[in-house]
Amino acid sequence: MQYPPQVQTLIDAVNALPGIAGCFCGPKPLENVEVDQLSLPGEFGDLPQAIIRRTDGGRKDEVMIQVEVIFDRSAEAWLSLEFLAWWVRDWGRSGHDIQMRPMSLPPKAGVIQLGRMLKFFIEYFLIDDGDSYEKTLGVAAEMGESIADSHRMYAECFANPVEFTGDVENM
């Protein structure tokens, strides 16, 4: 699939992290999403339920940049998951309307799915009142550049991670 360069920057930054099996990204207009649609099958199940319910549907001109991240089952993937969780938290603390959440399908749907359905969404919410998605594309590029810069800055941490000791009270 051909992405705009700004979106490709974001996808490339996520794919550069170790243990990434797949990354997909796109804008999703939320303005016409209504609360009663959230129980519908398909793509409605992938929407951020709590946020849409809190605003009683999508807001006027609201767009969500949804980055779907699928990790392999390696120790490196765990490090990338931890890194992205920190990065999203850090961006949120600096005033960005961003979140990261897990998503999965049912454990069984005809066949057993449990063990292969977990993925994560990084979701950025903004108001973009233009038809060109110029603001949305700018945010996507900024996200990609920030992830890539942070990955470079913390390369030593990826190369020399600490071991989990089981001490959950001091995390």
C-alpha atoms as a PDB file:
ATOM      1  CA  MET A   1       0.000   0.000   0.000  1.00  0.00           C
ATOM      2  CA  GLN A   2       1.245   3.465  -0.899  1.00  0.00           C
ATOM      3  CA  TYR A   3       1.158   5.897   2.049  1.00  0.00           C
ATOM      4  CA  PRO A   4       1.722   9.659   2.058  1.00  0.00           C
ATOM      5  CA  PRO A   5       5.370  10.391   2.985  1.00  0.00           C
ATOM      6  CA  GLN A   6       4.376  11.751   6.408  1.00  0.00           C
ATOM      7  CA  VAL A   7       2.550   8.530   7.280  1.00  0.00           C
ATOM      8  CA  GLN A   8       5.385   6.425   5.850  1.00  0.00           C
ATOM      9  CA  THR A   9       7.774   8.274   8.198  1.00  0.00           C
ATOM     10  CA  LEU A  10       5.670   7.106  11.144  1.00  0.00           C
ATOM     11  CA  ILE A  11       5.374   3.536   9.881  1.00  0.00           C
ATOM     12  CA  ASP A  12       9.120   3.353   9.181  1.00  0.00           C
ATOM     13  CA  ALA A  13       9.946   4.629  12.679  1.00  0.00           C
ATOM     14  CA  VAL A  14       7.796   1.951  14.317  1.00  0.00           C
ATOM     15  CA  ASN A  15       9.036  -0.785  11.967  1.00  0.00           C
ATOM     16  CA  ALA A  16      12.646   0.130  12.852  1.00  0.00           C
ATOM     17  CA  LEU A  17      12.054  -1.021  16.426  1.00  0.00           C
ATOM     18  CA  PRO A  18      13.108  -4.593  17.191  1.00  0.00           C
ATOM     19  CA  GLY A  19      10.433  -7.269  17.316  1.00  0.00           C
ATOM     20  CA  ILE A  20       7.848  -5.478  15.181  1.00  0.00           C
ATOM     21  CA  ALA A  21       5.939  -7.955  13.015  1.00  0.00           C
ATOM     22  CA  GLY A  22       3.726  -5.347  11.368  1.00  0.00           C
ATOM     23  CA  CYS A  23       2.674  -1.713  11.479  1.00  0.00           C
ATOM     24  CA  PHE A  24      -0.281  -0.103   9.738  1.00  0.00           C
ATOM     25  CA  CYS A  25      -1.497   3.456   9.977  1.00  0.00           C
ATOM     26  CA  GLY A  26      -4.234   5.680   8.743  1.00  0.00           C
ATOM     27  CA  PRO A  27      -6.486   8.571   9.670  1.00  0.00           C
ATOM     28  CA  LYS A  28      -9.996   7.764  10.812  1.00  0.00           C
ATOM     29  CA  PRO A  29     -12.568  10.545  10.780  1.00  0.00           C
ATOM     30  CA  LEU A  30     -14.624  10.265  13.980  1.00  0.00           C
ATOM     31  CA  GLU A  31     -17.119  13.100  13.468  1.00  0.00           C
ATOM     32  CA  ASN A  32     -19.937  10.859  12.238  1.00  0.00           C
ATOM     33  CA  VAL A  33     -19.288   7.969  14.634  1.00  0.00           C
ATOM     34  CA  GLU A  34     -22.227   7.541  16.991  1.00  0.00           C
ATOM     35  CA  VAL A  35     -22.207   5.678  20.298  1.00  0.00           C
ATOM     36  CA  ASP A  36     -24.781   3.101  19.173  1.00  0.00           C
ATOM     37  CA  GLN A  37     -22.436   2.063  16.324  1.00  0.00           C
ATOM     38  CA  LEU A  38     -19.755   0.889  18.760  1.00  0.00           C
ATOM     39  CA  SER A  39     -21.456  -2.484  19.222  1.00  0.00           C
ATOM     40  CA  LEU A  40     -21.440  -3.178  15.485  1.00  0.00           C
ATOM     41  CA  PRO A  41     -18.959  -5.757  14.123  1.00  0.00           C
ATOM     42  CA  GLY A  42     -15.882  -5.107  12.029  1.00  0.00           C
ATOM     43  CA  GLU A  43     -13.995  -1.831  12.198  1.00  0.00           C
ATOM     44  CA  PHE A  44     -16.360  -0.365  14.808  1.00  0.00           C
ATOM     45  CA  GLY A  45     -14.957  -2.853  17.335  1.00  0.00           C
ATOM     46  CA  ASP A  46     -11.477  -1.416  16.782  1.00  0.00           C
ATOM     47  CA  LEU A  47     -12.532   2.112  17.743  1.00  0.00           C
ATOM     48  CA  PRO A  48     -11.618   3.586  21.146  1.00  0.00           C
ATOM     49  CA  GLN A  49     -14.859   2.798  22.938  1.00  0.00           C
ATOM     50  CA  ALA A  50     -14.377   4.803  26.150  1.00  0.00           C
ATOM     51  CA  ILE A  51     -13.280   8.023  24.465  1.00  0.00           C
ATOM     52  CA  ILE A  52     -16.143   7.992  21.984  1.00  0.00           C
ATOM     53  CA  ARG A  53     -18.633   7.262  24.752  1.00  0.00           C
ATOM     54  CA  ARG A  54     -17.219  10.087  26.907  1.00  0.00           C
ATOM     55  CA  THR A  55     -17.812  12.609  24.133  1.00  0.00           C
ATOM     56  CA  ASP A  56     -21.152  11.004  23.166  1.00  0.00           C
ATOM     57  CA  GLY A  57     -19.822  10.283  19.681  1.00  0.00           C
ATOM     58  CA  GLY A  58     -17.090  11.772  17.534  1.00  0.00           C
ATOM     59  CA  ARG A  59     -16.553  15.528  17.825  1.00  0.00           C
ATOM     60  CA  LYS A  60     -16.928  17.935  14.924  1.00  0.00           C
ATOM     61  CA  ASP A  61     -13.926  17.635  12.548  1.00  0.00           C
ATOM     62  CA  GLU A  62     -12.301  15.040  14.822  1.00  0.00           C
ATOM     63  CA  VAL A  63      -9.719  12.758  13.260  1.00  0.00           C
ATOM     64  CA  MET A  64      -7.881   9.893  14.909  1.00  0.00           C
ATOM     65  CA  ILE A  65      -4.473   8.788  13.691  1.00  0.00           C
ATOM     66  CA  GLN A  66      -4.541   5.086  14.482  1.00  0.00           C
ATOM     67  CA  VAL A  67      -1.246   3.213  14.391  1.00  0.00           C
ATOM     68  CA  GLU A  68      -1.728  -0.545  14.585  1.00  0.00           C
ATOM     69  CA  VAL A  69       1.357  -2.294  15.956  1.00  0.00           C
ATOM     70  CA  ILE A  70       1.794  -6.064  15.925  1.00  0.00           C
ATOM     71  CA  PHE A  71       4.716  -7.518  17.860  1.00  0.00           C
ATOM     72  CA  ASP A  72       6.396 -10.867  17.401  1.00  0.00           C
ATOM     73  CA  ARG A  73       6.832 -12.976  20.536  1.00  0.00           C
ATOM     74  CA  SER A  74      10.490 -12.163  21.199  1.00  0.00           C
ATOM     75  CA  ALA A  75      12.258 -10.492  24.111  1.00  0.00           C
ATOM     76  CA  GLU A  76      13.124  -7.652  21.705  1.00  0.00           C
ATOM     77  CA  ALA A  77       9.424  -7.119  21.006  1.00  0.00           C
ATOM     78  CA  TRP A  78       8.782  -6.785  24.739  1.00  0.00           C
ATOM     79  CA  LEU A  79      11.427  -4.031  24.881  1.00  0.00           C
ATOM     80  CA  SER A  80       9.788  -2.205  21.973  1.00  0.00           C
ATOM     81  CA  LEU A  81       6.373  -2.505  23.617  1.00  0.00           C
ATOM     82  CA  GLU A  82       7.793  -1.046  26.824  1.00  0.00           C
ATOM     83  CA  PHE A  83       9.545   1.711  24.858  1.00  0.00           C
ATOM     84  CA  LEU A  84       6.389   2.678  22.948  1.00  0.00           C
ATOM     85  CA  ALA A  85       4.336   2.630  26.162  1.00  0.00           C
ATOM     86  CA  TRP A  86       6.830   5.099  27.658  1.00  0.00           C
ATOM     87  CA  TRP A  87       6.882   7.222  24.494  1.00  0.00           C
ATOM     88  CA  VAL A  88       3.069   7.500  24.422  1.00  0.00           C
ATOM     89  CA  ARG A  89       2.983   8.353  28.126  1.00  0.00           C
ATOM     90  CA  ASP A  90       5.652  11.001  27.627  1.00  0.00           C
ATOM     91  CA  TRP A  91       3.837  12.557  24.671  1.00  0.00           C
ATOM     92  CA  GLY A  92       0.559  12.532  26.597  1.00  0.00           C
ATOM     93  CA  ARG A  93       2.200  14.246  29.569  1.00  0.00           C
ATOM     94  CA  SER A  94       3.453  16.984  27.252  1.00  0.00           C
ATOM     95  CA  GLY A  95      -0.076  17.882  26.161  1.00  0.00           C
ATOM     96  CA  HIS A  96      -0.770  15.589  23.206  1.00  0.00           C
ATOM     97  CA  ASP A  97      -4.137  13.797  23.015  1.00  0.00           C
ATOM     98  CA  ILE A  98      -2.638  10.335  22.596  1.00  0.00           C
ATOM     99  CA  GLN A  99      -3.151   6.898  24.057  1.00  0.00           C
ATOM    100  CA  MET A 100      -1.973   3.326  23.577  1.00  0.00           C
ATOM    101  CA  ARG A 101      -4.280   0.401  24.106  1.00  0.00           C
ATOM    102  CA  PRO A 102      -4.337  -3.333  23.488  1.00  0.00           C
ATOM    103  CA  MET A 103      -6.866  -4.952  21.200  1.00  0.00           C
ATOM    104  CA  SER A 104      -7.725  -8.552  20.514  1.00  0.00           C
ATOM    105  CA  LEU A 105     -10.440 -10.673  18.982  1.00  0.00           C
ATOM    106  CA  PRO A 106     -12.310 -13.444  20.869  1.00  0.00           C
ATOM    107  CA  PRO A 107     -10.270 -16.432  22.100  1.00  0.00           C
ATOM    108  CA  LYS A 108     -12.290 -18.695  19.805  1.00  0.00           C
ATOM    109  CA  ALA A 109     -14.303 -18.000  16.668  1.00  0.00           C
ATOM    110  CA  GLY A 110     -14.793 -21.356  15.003  1.00  0.00           C
ATOM    111  CA  VAL A 111     -11.123 -22.094  15.629  1.00  0.00           C
ATOM    112  CA  ILE A 112      -8.907 -21.118  18.555  1.00  0.00           C
ATOM    113  CA  GLN A 113      -7.486 -17.629  18.008  1.00  0.00           C
ATOM    114  CA  LEU A 114      -5.977 -17.073  21.458  1.00  0.00           C
ATOM    115  CA  GLY A 115      -2.234 -16.653  21.080  1.00  0.00           C
ATOM    116  CA  ARG A 116      -2.207 -14.848  17.758  1.00  0.00           C
ATOM    117  CA  MET A 117      -4.668 -11.951  17.982  1.00  0.00           C
ATOM    118  CA  LEU A 118      -3.057  -9.413  20.332  1.00  0.00           C
ATOM    119  CA  LYS A 119      -2.069  -6.082  18.837  1.00  0.00           C
ATOM    120  CA  PHE A 120      -1.748  -2.539  20.101  1.00  0.00           C
ATOM    121  CA  PHE A 121      -3.120   0.743  18.848  1.00  0.00           C
ATOM    122  CA  ILE A 122      -1.420   4.086  19.305  1.00  0.00           C
ATOM    123  CA  GLU A 123      -4.156   6.665  18.819  1.00  0.00           C
ATOM    124  CA  TYR A 124      -3.743  10.393  18.437  1.00  0.00           C
ATOM    125  CA  PHE A 125      -6.844  12.601  18.453  1.00  0.00           C
ATOM    126  CA  LEU A 126      -7.034  15.994  16.783  1.00  0.00           C
ATOM    127  CA  ILE A 127      -9.410  18.430  15.176  1.00  0.00           C
ATOM    128  CA  ASP A 128      -8.607  18.877  11.476  1.00  0.00           C
ATOM    129  CA  ASP A 129     -11.134  21.060   9.705  1.00  0.00           C
ATOM    130  CA  GLY A 130      -9.485  20.855   6.288  1.00  0.00           C
ATOM    131  CA  ASP A 131     -10.298  18.421   3.520  1.00  0.00           C
ATOM    132  CA  SER A 132      -6.623  17.769   2.774  1.00  0.00           C
ATOM    133  CA  TYR A 133      -5.723  16.261   6.170  1.00  0.00           C
ATOM    134  CA  GLU A 134      -2.743  18.657   6.202  1.00  0.00           C
ATOM    135  CA  LYS A 135      -2.735  18.974  10.000  1.00  0.00           C
ATOM    136  CA  THR A 136      -3.200  15.211  10.424  1.00  0.00           C
ATOM    137  CA  LEU A 137      -0.313  14.451   8.077  1.00  0.00           C
ATOM    138  CA  GLY A 138       1.890  16.932   9.935  1.00  0.00           C
ATOM    139  CA  VAL A 139       1.162  15.212  13.242  1.00  0.00           C
ATOM    140  CA  ALA A 140       1.909  11.788  11.715  1.00  0.00           C
ATOM    141  CA  ALA A 141       5.298  13.033  10.523  1.00  0.00           C
ATOM    142  CA  GLU A 142       6.014  14.597  13.922  1.00  0.00           C
ATOM    143  CA  MET A 143       5.145  11.327  15.667  1.00  0.00           C
ATOM    144  CA  GLY A 144       7.435   9.349  13.362  1.00  0.00           C
ATOM    145  CA  GLU A 145      10.325  11.762  13.793  1.00  0.00           C
ATOM    146  CA  SER A 146       9.897  11.728  17.572  1.00  0.00           C
ATOM    147  CA  ILE A 147       9.826   7.919  17.785  1.00  0.00           C
ATOM    148  CA  ALA A 148      12.914   7.666  15.547  1.00  0.00           C
ATOM    149  CA  ASP A 149      14.777  10.336  17.547  1.00  0.00           C
ATOM    150  CA  SER A 150      13.885   8.661  20.840  1.00  0.00           C
ATOM    151  CA  HIS A 151      14.928   5.257  19.493  1.00  0.00           C
ATOM    152  CA  ARG A 152      18.326   6.681  18.527  1.00  0.00           C
ATOM    153  CA  MET A 153      18.658   8.468  21.867  1.00  0.00           C
ATOM    154  CA  TYR A 154      17.954   5.276  23.802  1.00  0.00           C
ATOM    155  CA  ALA A 155      19.796   2.815  21.530  1.00  0.00           C
ATOM    156  CA  GLU A 156      22.090   1.925  24.450  1.00  0.00           C
ATOM    157  CA  CYS A 157      19.043   0.854  26.461  1.00  0.00           C
ATOM    158  CA  PHE A 158      17.903  -1.510  23.694  1.00  0.00           C
ATOM    159  CA  ALA A 159      21.440  -2.936  23.471  1.00  0.00           C
ATOM    160  CA  ASN A 160      21.784  -3.392  27.252  1.00  0.00           C
ATOM    161  CA  PRO A 161      18.351  -3.806  28.846  1.00  0.00           C
ATOM    162  CA  VAL A 162      18.023  -4.723  32.492  1.00  0.00           C
ATOM    163  CA  GLU A 163      16.601  -8.087  33.443  1.00  0.00           C
ATOM    164  CA  PHE A 164      13.214  -8.364  35.092  1.00  0.00           C
ATOM    165  CA  THR A 165      13.840  -9.410  38.673  1.00  0.00           C
ATOM    166  CA  GLY A 166      10.277 -10.010  39.763  1.00  0.00           C
ATOM    167  CA  ASP A 167      10.385  -6.995  42.105  1.00  0.00           C
ATOM    168  CA  VAL A 168       7.011  -5.570  41.088  1.00  0.00           C
ATOM    169  CA  GLU A 169       6.715  -3.294  44.114  1.00  0.00           C
ATOM    170  CA  ASN A 170       9.601  -1.098  42.920  1.00  0.00           C
ATOM    171  CA  MET A 171       8.597  -0.696  39.299  1.00  0.00           C
END
